[in-house]
Amino acid sequence: MNLLLPLLFNDSTPLSSRQILQITRQLGSTTKALEFLEFLRANAKPEEQQQHFHLLSSAFQSALEVANRNPTSKIEVLKLHGFLKSQNWKIDLSAQSALILLRCLEGAKMVDDSIFLFKGLYHSAKSSGICNGLLRLLLKSDRIDDALQVLDEMLERDSKFLLNASTGDIVFEELVKWRDPRGRCFSHEETVALVKKLAEHGVFPNTFKLMQLITSMCKRKNNNAAREILHAVMELDGEVDAEPFNALLTGLGKERDIEGMNKLLAKMQEMNIRPSVVTFGILFRHLCVARRVDEDQYILVKSFSVVDGEAGSLFFGLDPVVVEVSAIGDSSAGINSFALAVCLLCLLLSRGYDHGVAIACFFLVFNQ
């Protein structure tokens, strides 16, 4: 390798990054690449320090690319990671080098090394892919505070790291996950704030994840947080169908918040979101259960309005629903689930719903 010295350390015609990359790639193995890196480090003169850093950075990227193509790539990349640590992290990493290293460190679950590497990167070497990889590792390792710091950096006004669908998938998956309450968990306030911030950047949970988020909040007895999440997604033009509404209706129904249910139904109508048969099942059951408290002769589903004794405007084309409690069961003895399900089955069939859909709704109510 000594024959390379005049070529590598030539002030008049220094090698370009591309040439260094090509030389290192042609070495063909991680072991030879490490020897070449050590050779560059050992032969750099103090007065050539800037050129030395340039050579090491380019050669290190190429060595990582060689290692990454190896069948035992994880082991080979970790060898190069060890060389980097032996140099006190003094090699300037390119975006490609950082991405390969962080992916390997994520697989090895080397959290502290990943954080240290990320913090030492130049701003130009960071990317959305690098941030997302670190974010995923931190959340899976329950390092929530560190993850929030990475997210804050991504959410800065002048940040060049564009949030994307992958960012949303990583964050929303963790927000709906059950965590041991004895450890660090996302608070209700943090969950709502994160959904809002991501939505402001055009990143929304899909309908299924949104339903899971709302269900999770309702199970924790925080219907207000669930309502905030749903409204934030709607107000910022996220895609919403009946399922997230059903989840919140269920939570409100369990708390006997009939007024809240009616307001939510009005919001569905305002947003032109058509209720599903599941929506009717939820309403039918919870409004009938509420009869035990209200002691009315009839349960009126207000959103299917009855005005001055006459049928008013139809809600999405459906007739008003008036259910006589005595037809369902004796409220003093509890609701008869079978009779309730039969009433709903007859109602749906009379309104022209498909038989299969009506029967599915029957079992939904009967099995509650």
Protein backbone atom coordinates (compact mmCIF):
# COMPACT_ATOMS: atom_id res chain seq x y z
CA MET A 1 0.00 0.00 0.00
CA ASN A 2 2.97 2.31 0.39
CA LEU A 3 2.92 2.85 -3.36
CA LEU A 4 -0.42 4.61 -2.89
CA LEU A 5 0.97 7.26 -0.54
CA PRO A 6 2.01 9.80 -3.22
CA LEU A 7 -1.35 9.37 -4.93
CA LEU A 8 -3.50 9.55 -1.80
CA PHE A 9 -1.76 12.46 -0.11
CA ASN A 10 -1.03 14.73 -3.03
CA ASP A 11 -1.71 18.40 -2.41
CA SER A 12 -1.60 19.36 -6.07
CA THR A 13 -4.06 16.75 -7.38
CA PRO A 14 -5.99 15.24 -4.44
CA LEU A 15 -8.27 12.30 -5.09
CA SER A 16 -12.00 13.00 -5.29
CA SER A 17 -14.63 11.33 -3.09
CA ARG A 18 -15.75 9.28 -6.06
CA GLN A 19 -12.24 7.93 -6.65
CA ILE A 20 -11.84 6.97 -2.98
CA LEU A 21 -15.20 5.21 -3.08
CA GLN A 22 -14.14 3.24 -6.15
CA ILE A 23 -10.77 2.20 -4.65
CA THR A 24 -12.39 0.93 -1.44
CA ARG A 25 -15.16 -0.95 -3.27
CA GLN A 26 -12.59 -2.82 -5.35
CA LEU A 27 -11.00 -4.21 -2.18
CA GLY A 28 -13.97 -6.58 -2.01
CA SER A 29 -14.02 -7.44 1.71
CA THR A 30 -14.60 -5.76 5.04
CA THR A 31 -11.24 -6.98 6.38
CA LYS A 32 -9.31 -5.34 3.53
CA ALA A 33 -11.44 -2.21 3.81
CA LEU A 34 -10.58 -1.98 7.53
CA GLU A 35 -6.89 -2.38 6.70
CA PHE A 36 -7.20 0.41 4.16
CA LEU A 37 -8.95 2.67 6.69
CA GLU A 38 -6.22 1.97 9.24
CA PHE A 39 -3.60 2.71 6.59
CA LEU A 40 -5.21 6.06 5.83
CA ARG A 41 -5.40 6.93 9.52
CA ALA A 42 -1.80 5.96 10.25
CA ASN A 43 -0.25 7.79 7.30
CA ALA A 44 -2.06 11.12 7.44
CA LYS A 45 0.22 14.04 8.27
CA PRO A 46 -0.91 16.74 10.74
CA GLU A 47 -0.75 19.41 8.03
CA GLU A 48 -3.02 17.28 5.85
CA GLN A 49 -5.74 16.87 8.48
CA GLN A 50 -8.59 18.25 6.35
CA GLN A 51 -7.75 15.99 3.43
CA HIS A 52 -7.35 13.11 5.89
CA PHE A 53 -10.95 13.53 7.17
CA HIS A 54 -12.19 13.71 3.59
CA LEU A 55 -10.43 10.46 2.68
CA LEU A 56 -11.60 8.62 5.80
CA SER A 57 -15.24 9.69 5.33
CA SER A 58 -15.39 8.50 1.72
CA ALA A 59 -13.49 5.28 2.40
CA PHE A 60 -15.66 4.50 5.44
CA GLN A 61 -18.86 4.90 3.41
CA SER A 62 -17.56 2.56 0.73
CA ALA A 63 -16.44 0.03 3.37
CA LEU A 64 -19.95 0.05 4.86
CA GLU A 65 -21.45 -0.55 1.43
CA VAL A 66 -19.12 -3.52 0.92
CA ALA A 67 -19.99 -4.90 4.37
CA ASN A 68 -23.70 -4.39 3.81
CA ARG A 69 -23.60 -6.64 0.74
CA ASN A 70 -21.95 -9.45 2.69
CA PRO A 71 -24.10 -12.48 3.68
CA THR A 72 -23.05 -11.79 7.29
CA SER A 73 -23.65 -8.07 6.88
CA LYS A 74 -24.69 -7.43 10.49
CA ILE A 75 -21.40 -8.76 11.85
CA GLU A 76 -19.37 -6.96 9.19
CA VAL A 77 -21.09 -3.61 9.75
CA LEU A 78 -20.61 -3.96 13.51
CA LYS A 79 -16.87 -4.43 12.90
CA LEU A 80 -16.83 -1.07 11.14
CA HIS A 81 -18.88 0.40 13.96
CA GLY A 82 -16.16 -0.79 16.33
CA PHE A 83 -13.52 0.95 14.19
CA LEU A 84 -15.55 4.16 14.31
CA LYS A 85 -15.71 4.01 18.11
CA SER A 86 -11.95 3.37 18.26
CA GLN A 87 -11.51 6.66 16.42
CA ASN A 88 -13.65 8.42 19.05
CA TRP A 89 -16.36 8.92 16.41
CA LYS A 90 -14.12 11.39 14.58
CA ILE A 91 -15.03 10.21 11.09
CA ASP A 92 -17.53 12.50 9.37
CA LEU A 93 -20.41 10.26 8.33
CA SER A 94 -22.31 10.77 5.10
CA ALA A 95 -26.10 10.27 5.00
CA GLN A 96 -25.58 6.83 3.39
CA SER A 97 -23.05 5.76 6.05
CA ALA A 98 -25.34 6.89 8.87
CA LEU A 99 -28.33 5.05 7.39
CA ILE A 100 -26.45 1.73 7.05
CA LEU A 101 -25.00 2.01 10.56
CA LEU A 102 -28.26 2.97 12.26
CA ARG A 103 -30.16 0.14 10.58
CA CYS A 104 -27.60 -2.32 11.87
CA LEU A 105 -27.59 -0.80 15.37
CA GLU A 106 -31.39 -0.92 15.40
CA GLY A 107 -31.29 -4.64 14.60
CA ALA A 108 -28.72 -5.16 17.36
CA LYS A 109 -30.83 -3.02 19.74
CA MET A 110 -27.82 -0.84 20.57
CA VAL A 111 -29.88 2.12 21.72
CA ASP A 112 -27.24 4.28 23.40
CA ASP A 113 -24.82 3.94 20.49
CA SER A 114 -27.61 4.88 18.09
CA ILE A 115 -28.43 8.03 20.05
CA PHE A 116 -24.76 9.01 20.29
CA LEU A 117 -24.25 8.47 16.56
CA PHE A 118 -27.37 10.48 15.68
CA LYS A 119 -26.44 13.42 17.87
CA GLY A 120 -22.97 13.55 16.29
CA LEU A 121 -24.25 13.73 12.72
CA TYR A 122 -24.02 16.92 10.75
CA HIS A 123 -27.45 18.33 9.93
CA SER A 124 -26.82 17.58 6.23
CA ALA A 125 -26.27 13.88 7.01
CA LYS A 126 -29.64 13.43 8.69
CA SER A 127 -32.71 12.35 6.73
CA SER A 128 -36.31 11.25 7.24
CA GLY A 129 -35.25 7.61 6.90
CA ILE A 130 -32.57 7.98 9.59
CA CYS A 131 -34.95 9.81 11.94
CA ASN A 132 -37.70 7.22 11.43
CA GLY A 133 -35.30 4.34 12.13
CA LEU A 134 -34.07 5.90 15.36
CA LEU A 135 -37.63 6.80 16.36
CA ARG A 136 -38.78 3.20 15.88
CA LEU A 137 -35.86 1.86 17.95
CA LEU A 138 -36.42 4.34 20.78
CA LEU A 139 -40.15 3.65 21.03
CA LYS A 140 -39.69 -0.13 20.96
CA SER A 141 -37.07 0.27 23.71
CA ASP A 142 -39.46 2.37 25.85
CA ARG A 143 -37.19 5.40 25.55
CA ILE A 144 -40.19 7.69 25.17
CA ASP A 145 -38.52 10.93 26.25
CA ASP A 146 -35.66 10.40 23.79
CA ALA A 147 -38.19 9.59 21.06
CA LEU A 148 -40.09 12.80 21.76
CA GLN A 149 -36.85 14.77 21.36
CA VAL A 150 -36.30 13.23 17.92
CA LEU A 151 -39.90 14.01 16.98
CA ASP A 152 -39.49 17.61 18.16
CA GLU A 153 -36.50 17.96 15.85
CA MET A 154 -38.53 16.55 12.95
CA LEU A 155 -41.43 18.91 13.75
CA GLU A 156 -39.34 22.09 13.83
CA ARG A 157 -40.60 24.73 11.42
CA ASP A 158 -37.41 24.81 9.34
CA SER A 159 -36.68 21.09 9.60
CA LYS A 160 -35.60 19.39 6.39
CA PHE A 161 -36.78 16.01 7.68
CA LEU A 162 -40.20 15.66 6.13
CA LEU A 163 -42.63 13.64 8.17
CA ASN A 164 -44.12 10.89 6.05
CA ALA A 165 -46.47 7.93 6.25
CA SER A 166 -43.71 5.81 7.81
CA THR A 167 -43.35 8.32 10.65
CA GLY A 168 -47.10 8.11 11.27
CA ASP A 169 -47.12 4.30 11.19
CA ILE A 170 -44.32 4.17 13.78
CA VAL A 171 -45.90 6.71 16.15
CA PHE A 172 -49.53 5.60 15.90
CA GLU A 173 -48.58 1.93 16.38
CA GLU A 174 -46.89 2.84 19.66
CA LEU A 175 -49.69 5.14 20.84
CA VAL A 176 -52.25 2.33 20.71
CA LYS A 177 -49.94 -0.23 22.31
CA TRP A 178 -50.59 -1.25 25.90
CA ARG A 179 -47.74 -0.23 28.20
CA ASP A 180 -47.03 -1.28 31.75
CA PRO A 181 -48.40 1.62 33.85
CA ARG A 182 -45.46 1.19 36.22
CA GLY A 183 -43.14 2.37 33.43
CA ARG A 184 -43.04 5.47 31.25
CA CYS A 185 -46.26 5.77 29.23
CA PHE A 186 -47.64 8.38 26.88
CA SER A 187 -49.95 10.63 28.88
CA HIS A 188 -53.36 11.54 27.49
CA GLU A 189 -52.09 15.06 26.84
CA GLU A 190 -49.00 13.79 24.98
CA THR A 191 -51.13 11.44 22.87
CA VAL A 192 -53.55 14.19 21.83
CA ALA A 193 -50.69 16.65 21.18
CA LEU A 194 -48.82 14.15 18.99
CA VAL A 195 -51.89 13.32 16.89
CA LYS A 196 -52.54 17.04 16.38
CA LYS A 197 -48.93 17.88 15.49
CA LEU A 198 -48.67 15.04 13.00
CA ALA A 199 -52.04 15.96 11.48
CA GLU A 200 -50.85 19.57 11.07
CA HIS A 201 -48.01 18.16 8.94
CA GLY A 202 -50.42 16.11 6.84
CA VAL A 203 -49.75 12.78 8.59
CA PHE A 204 -52.96 11.07 9.75
CA PRO A 205 -53.81 7.70 11.30
CA ASN A 206 -55.76 5.44 8.97
CA THR A 207 -59.33 4.62 9.95
CA PHE A 208 -58.36 1.44 11.80
CA LYS A 209 -55.59 3.13 13.80
CA LEU A 210 -57.86 6.09 14.57
CA MET A 211 -60.51 3.68 15.87
CA GLN A 212 -57.85 1.97 18.02
CA LEU A 213 -56.65 5.31 19.42
CA ILE A 214 -60.18 6.35 20.35
CA THR A 215 -60.98 2.95 21.85
CA SER A 216 -57.77 3.13 23.89
CA MET A 217 -58.66 6.57 25.28
CA CYS A 218 -62.22 5.46 26.11
CA LYS A 219 -60.96 2.35 27.93
CA ARG A 220 -58.82 4.65 30.07
CA LYS A 221 -61.98 6.59 30.98
CA ASN A 222 -60.90 9.64 28.98
CA ASN A 223 -63.66 10.30 26.49
CA ASN A 224 -62.64 13.95 26.23
CA ALA A 225 -59.20 12.98 24.88
CA ALA A 226 -60.86 10.56 22.44
CA ARG A 227 -63.19 13.34 21.27
CA GLU A 228 -60.25 15.74 20.82
CA ILE A 229 -58.37 13.22 18.69
CA LEU A 230 -61.38 12.59 16.44
CA HIS A 231 -62.14 16.29 16.00
CA ALA A 232 -58.48 17.15 15.31
CA VAL A 233 -58.29 14.61 12.48
CA MET A 234 -61.58 15.81 10.99
CA GLU A 235 -60.78 19.52 11.26
CA LEU A 236 -57.43 19.03 9.51
CA ASP A 237 -59.07 17.09 6.65
CA GLY A 238 -58.07 13.58 7.63
CA GLU A 239 -60.07 10.67 6.23
CA VAL A 240 -62.76 9.50 8.65
CA ASP A 241 -65.60 7.00 8.28
CA ALA A 242 -68.18 5.57 10.70
CA GLU A 243 -65.81 3.24 12.61
CA PRO A 244 -63.99 5.88 14.74
CA PHE A 245 -67.39 7.42 15.53
CA ASN A 246 -68.64 4.00 16.60
CA ALA A 247 -65.69 3.65 18.96
CA LEU A 248 -66.42 7.01 20.60
CA LEU A 249 -70.17 6.32 20.70
CA THR A 250 -69.40 3.10 22.60
CA GLY A 251 -67.27 5.00 25.11
CA LEU A 252 -69.90 7.68 25.59
CA GLY A 253 -72.63 5.04 25.92
CA LYS A 254 -70.75 3.24 28.69
CA GLU A 255 -70.62 6.53 30.60
CA ARG A 256 -74.37 7.10 29.96
CA ASP A 257 -73.48 10.36 28.17
CA ILE A 258 -76.59 10.48 26.00
CA GLU A 259 -76.17 14.19 25.26
CA GLY A 260 -72.63 13.53 24.05
CA MET A 261 -73.88 10.70 21.83
CA ASN A 262 -76.49 12.94 20.25
CA LYS A 263 -73.92 15.68 19.61
CA LEU A 264 -71.63 13.14 18.00
CA LEU A 265 -74.44 11.88 15.77
CA ALA A 266 -75.16 15.47 14.76
CA LYS A 267 -71.46 15.81 13.83
CA MET A 268 -71.72 12.68 11.69
CA GLN A 269 -74.65 14.22 9.86
CA GLU A 270 -72.80 17.52 9.46
CA MET A 271 -69.78 15.71 7.99
CA ASN A 272 -72.03 13.57 5.80
CA ILE A 273 -70.66 10.36 7.31
CA ARG A 274 -73.20 7.59 6.87
CA PRO A 275 -73.73 5.43 9.99
CA SER A 276 -73.18 1.70 9.66
CA VAL A 277 -75.32 -1.06 11.12
CA VAL A 278 -72.80 -1.19 13.95
CA THR A 279 -73.70 2.44 14.72
CA PHE A 280 -77.37 1.46 15.06
CA GLY A 281 -76.49 -1.49 17.27
CA ILE A 282 -74.48 0.74 19.61
CA LEU A 283 -77.26 3.35 19.79
CA PHE A 284 -79.98 0.78 20.25
CA ARG A 285 -78.27 -0.96 23.13
CA HIS A 286 -76.90 2.01 25.06
CA LEU A 287 -80.04 4.10 24.75
CA CYS A 288 -82.09 1.17 26.01
CA VAL A 289 -79.73 0.61 28.92
CA ALA A 290 -80.04 4.32 29.72
CA ARG A 291 -83.81 3.72 30.15
CA ARG A 292 -83.03 2.23 33.57
CA VAL A 293 -81.92 5.69 34.69
CA ASP A 294 -84.21 7.98 32.72
CA GLU A 295 -87.49 6.16 33.56
CA ASP A 296 -89.18 7.38 30.36
CA GLN A 297 -92.13 5.54 28.85
CA TYR A 298 -90.34 5.56 25.49
CA ILE A 299 -86.78 5.82 24.29
CA LEU A 300 -86.59 8.31 21.47
CA VAL A 301 -83.52 8.34 19.30
CA LYS A 302 -83.39 12.11 18.87
CA SER A 303 -81.16 12.04 15.83
CA PHE A 304 -83.94 10.12 14.01
CA SER A 305 -86.11 13.06 15.02
CA VAL A 306 -89.78 13.20 15.99
CA VAL A 307 -91.14 16.73 15.89
CA ASP A 308 -94.52 17.68 17.50
CA GLY A 309 -95.69 14.09 17.30
CA GLU A 310 -95.04 13.92 13.57
CA ALA A 311 -92.11 12.42 11.73
CA GLY A 312 -89.55 15.11 11.10
CA SER A 313 -86.53 15.10 8.78
CA LEU A 314 -85.20 11.65 8.17
CA PHE A 315 -81.65 10.98 9.28
CA PHE A 316 -79.85 9.78 6.14
CA GLY A 317 -83.21 8.65 4.74
CA LEU A 318 -84.21 6.49 7.72
CA ASP A 319 -87.56 6.66 9.49
CA PRO A 320 -87.80 7.86 13.10
CA VAL A 321 -87.20 5.11 15.65
CA VAL A 322 -89.49 4.81 18.67
CA VAL A 323 -88.84 1.79 20.87
CA GLU A 324 -91.29 0.85 23.59
CA VAL A 325 -89.38 -0.36 26.61
CA SER A 326 -91.96 -3.01 27.51
CA ALA A 327 -91.30 -4.69 24.17
CA ILE A 328 -87.64 -5.13 25.11
CA GLY A 329 -87.77 -6.27 28.68
CA ASP A 330 -88.54 -5.31 32.22
CA SER A 331 -86.06 -2.54 33.09
CA SER A 332 -86.21 -3.47 36.77
CA ALA A 333 -84.87 -6.92 35.91
CA GLY A 334 -82.38 -5.74 33.32
CA ILE A 335 -82.41 -5.69 29.54
CA ASN A 336 -83.29 -8.87 27.71
CA SER A 337 -80.49 -9.05 25.11
CA PHE A 338 -82.36 -11.54 22.94
CA ALA A 339 -85.53 -9.43 22.79
CA LEU A 340 -83.43 -6.34 22.14
CA ALA A 341 -81.59 -8.04 19.28
CA VAL A 342 -84.87 -9.28 17.78
CA CYS A 343 -86.30 -5.75 17.84
CA LEU A 344 -83.27 -4.41 16.04
CA LEU A 345 -83.36 -7.26 13.52
CA CYS A 346 -87.00 -6.54 12.69
CA LEU A 347 -86.27 -2.81 12.46
CA LEU A 348 -83.41 -3.27 9.99
CA LEU A 349 -85.31 -5.75 7.85
CA SER A 350 -88.31 -3.40 7.73
CA ARG A 351 -86.00 -0.64 6.47
CA GLY A 352 -84.79 -2.79 3.58
CA TYR A 353 -81.32 -3.72 4.87
CA ASP A 354 -79.62 -6.79 3.44
CA HIS A 355 -80.54 -9.94 5.42
CA GLY A 356 -76.90 -10.81 6.08
CA VAL A 357 -76.17 -7.34 7.44
CA ALA A 358 -79.28 -7.39 9.65
CA ILE A 359 -78.39 -10.84 11.06
CA ALA A 360 -74.81 -9.71 11.74
CA CYS A 361 -76.18 -6.75 13.69
CA PHE A 362 -78.52 -9.10 15.58
CA PHE A 363 -75.56 -11.11 16.86
CA LEU A 364 -73.61 -7.93 17.62
CA VAL A 365 -76.32 -6.80 20.04
CA PHE A 366 -77.20 -10.28 21.35
CA ASN A 367 -73.58 -11.07 22.28
CA GLN A 368 -72.91 -7.78 24.07
